[in-house]
Amino acid sequence: METRVAVMSIIVSETSNVEKINSLLHDYSEYIIGRMGIPYRNKNINVISIALDGPQDKISALSGKIGNLKGINVKTLYSVF
């Protein structure tokens, strides 16, 4: 199975969805290399950065599920190789 390295950036403005995001990340934890979450209290948002290594379809599925949550913006950048 071919895998890709990717970085997913998530901005959470609807903090009621944090638990749903964490549940989704747990479901895809086998592909997560590391994650960093930063609460930005001045803007009342959270910024999450996730490094992944997995099949592109799994990473895309995770991104899509997170992106469908209200008040969440997500972008994913894939490595070239």
Foldseek 3Di string as FASTA:
>chain_A
DAKWKKKKKKKAQPVVCPVVLVVLCVVVVVFWPDKDKDQDVVNNMIIMMTIGIGHPVSVVVSQVVQCPDPRMDMDMDIDPD
